[in-house]
C-alpha cells in the first residue's frame, strides 16, 4: 500500500467518525456536556445548578416511554454562566 493510499484510507475513516459542528445558537447540551463546559462533575451540575430557578429551562423531547433526559440550549447555558462574571 502506498503512502497516498494510506492517507486516503485514514482520511476516509476520520471523516466517517467526525460529527459536524452544530452552531451554539441551536445546539442542545445534556448535563454531561454542560458539566464538561463548566469543568464540574455531572452530578454537581444536576443537583446544584440545574435545579436553580435562574438556570435555563430544560427541553424534554417526547419518547416512546415518556421519559427523556433534559437538554438545554447551549447559548442559554453560556449566557447564564456569563451572568456570574465578576464585575470590577
Protein backbone atom coordinates (compact mmCIF):
# COMPACT_ATOMS: atom_id res chain seq x y z
CA UNK A 1 0.00 0.00 0.00
CA UNK A 2 1.39 3.36 -0.99
CA UNK A 3 1.64 6.31 1.36
CA UNK A 4 -1.06 8.11 -0.64
CA UNK A 5 -3.44 5.15 -0.31
CA UNK A 6 -2.83 5.01 3.43
CA UNK A 7 -3.51 8.73 3.81
CA UNK A 8 -6.72 8.42 1.77
CA UNK A 9 -7.91 5.48 3.91
CA UNK A 10 -7.12 7.40 7.10
CA UNK A 11 -8.93 10.49 5.82
CA UNK A 12 -11.99 8.41 4.92
CA UNK A 13 -12.01 6.69 8.32
CA UNK A 14 -11.74 10.05 10.11
CA UNK A 15 -14.49 11.61 8.00
CA UNK A 16 -16.84 8.77 8.96
CA UNK A 17 -16.21 9.37 12.68
CA UNK A 18 -16.24 13.17 12.88
CA UNK A 19 -19.60 14.72 13.65
CA UNK A 20 -20.49 18.02 12.02
CA UNK A 21 -20.17 21.07 14.23
CA UNK A 22 -23.53 22.42 15.39
CA UNK A 23 -23.66 26.18 15.98
CA UNK A 24 -24.02 27.11 19.66
CA UNK A 25 -27.09 29.16 18.82
CA UNK A 26 -29.03 25.96 18.09
CA UNK A 27 -27.05 23.21 19.82
CA UNK A 28 -28.65 21.29 22.68
CA UNK A 29 -26.48 20.18 25.57
CA UNK A 30 -27.07 17.41 28.07
CA UNK A 31 -25.91 17.53 31.68
CA UNK A 32 -22.62 15.77 30.84
CA UNK A 33 -21.77 18.35 28.17
CA UNK A 34 -22.67 21.23 30.49
CA UNK A 35 -20.51 19.65 33.19
CA UNK A 36 -17.56 19.41 30.79
CA UNK A 37 -18.06 23.06 29.78
CA UNK A 38 -18.16 24.14 33.44
CA UNK A 39 -15.33 21.79 34.43
CA UNK A 40 -17.58 20.26 37.08
CA UNK A 41 -18.87 16.81 37.93
CA UNK A 42 -22.17 15.97 36.16
CA UNK A 43 -23.77 15.09 39.48
CA UNK A 44 -22.92 18.54 40.85
CA UNK A 45 -24.43 20.22 37.80
CA UNK A 46 -27.57 18.10 38.04
CA UNK A 47 -28.05 18.52 41.80
CA UNK A 48 -26.70 22.01 42.46
CA UNK A 49 -27.07 24.09 39.31
CA UNK A 50 -29.76 22.73 37.00
CA UNK A 51 -32.29 22.93 39.85
CA UNK A 52 -31.71 26.66 40.41
CA UNK A 53 -34.65 28.86 39.34
CA UNK A 54 -32.30 31.01 37.27
CA UNK A 55 -30.86 28.07 35.31
CA UNK A 56 -32.20 27.75 31.73
CA UNK A 57 -35.34 25.68 31.42
CA UNK A 58 -34.94 22.10 30.21
CA UNK A 59 -36.17 20.79 26.90
CA UNK A 60 -37.66 17.31 27.15
CA UNK A 61 -38.27 15.64 23.82
CA UNK A 62 -41.04 13.07 23.56
CA UNK A 63 -40.04 9.42 23.70
CA UNK A 64 -41.87 6.14 23.45
CA UNK A 65 -41.69 5.51 27.19
CA UNK A 66 -42.38 9.15 28.08
CA UNK A 67 -39.08 9.85 29.86
CA UNK A 68 -36.32 11.77 28.21
CA UNK A 69 -33.16 13.24 29.57
CA UNK A 70 -33.25 17.02 29.82
CA UNK A 71 -31.48 19.04 27.16
CA UNK A 72 -30.59 22.71 27.34
CA UNK A 73 -29.91 25.36 24.70
CA UNK A 74 -26.14 25.80 24.69
CA UNK A 75 -26.39 29.56 24.12
CA UNK A 76 -28.72 29.94 27.12
CA UNK A 77 -26.33 27.99 29.37
CA UNK A 78 -23.40 30.13 28.24
CA UNK A 79 -25.42 33.31 28.84
CA UNK A 80 -26.36 32.05 32.32
CA UNK A 81 -22.71 31.34 33.14
CA UNK A 82 -21.58 34.74 31.84
CA UNK A 83 -24.11 36.34 34.20
CA UNK A 84 -21.86 35.25 37.06
CA UNK A 85 -18.79 37.08 35.76
CA UNK A 86 -17.26 39.30 38.41
CA UNK A 87 -17.74 42.98 37.80
CA UNK A 88 -14.87 45.27 38.82
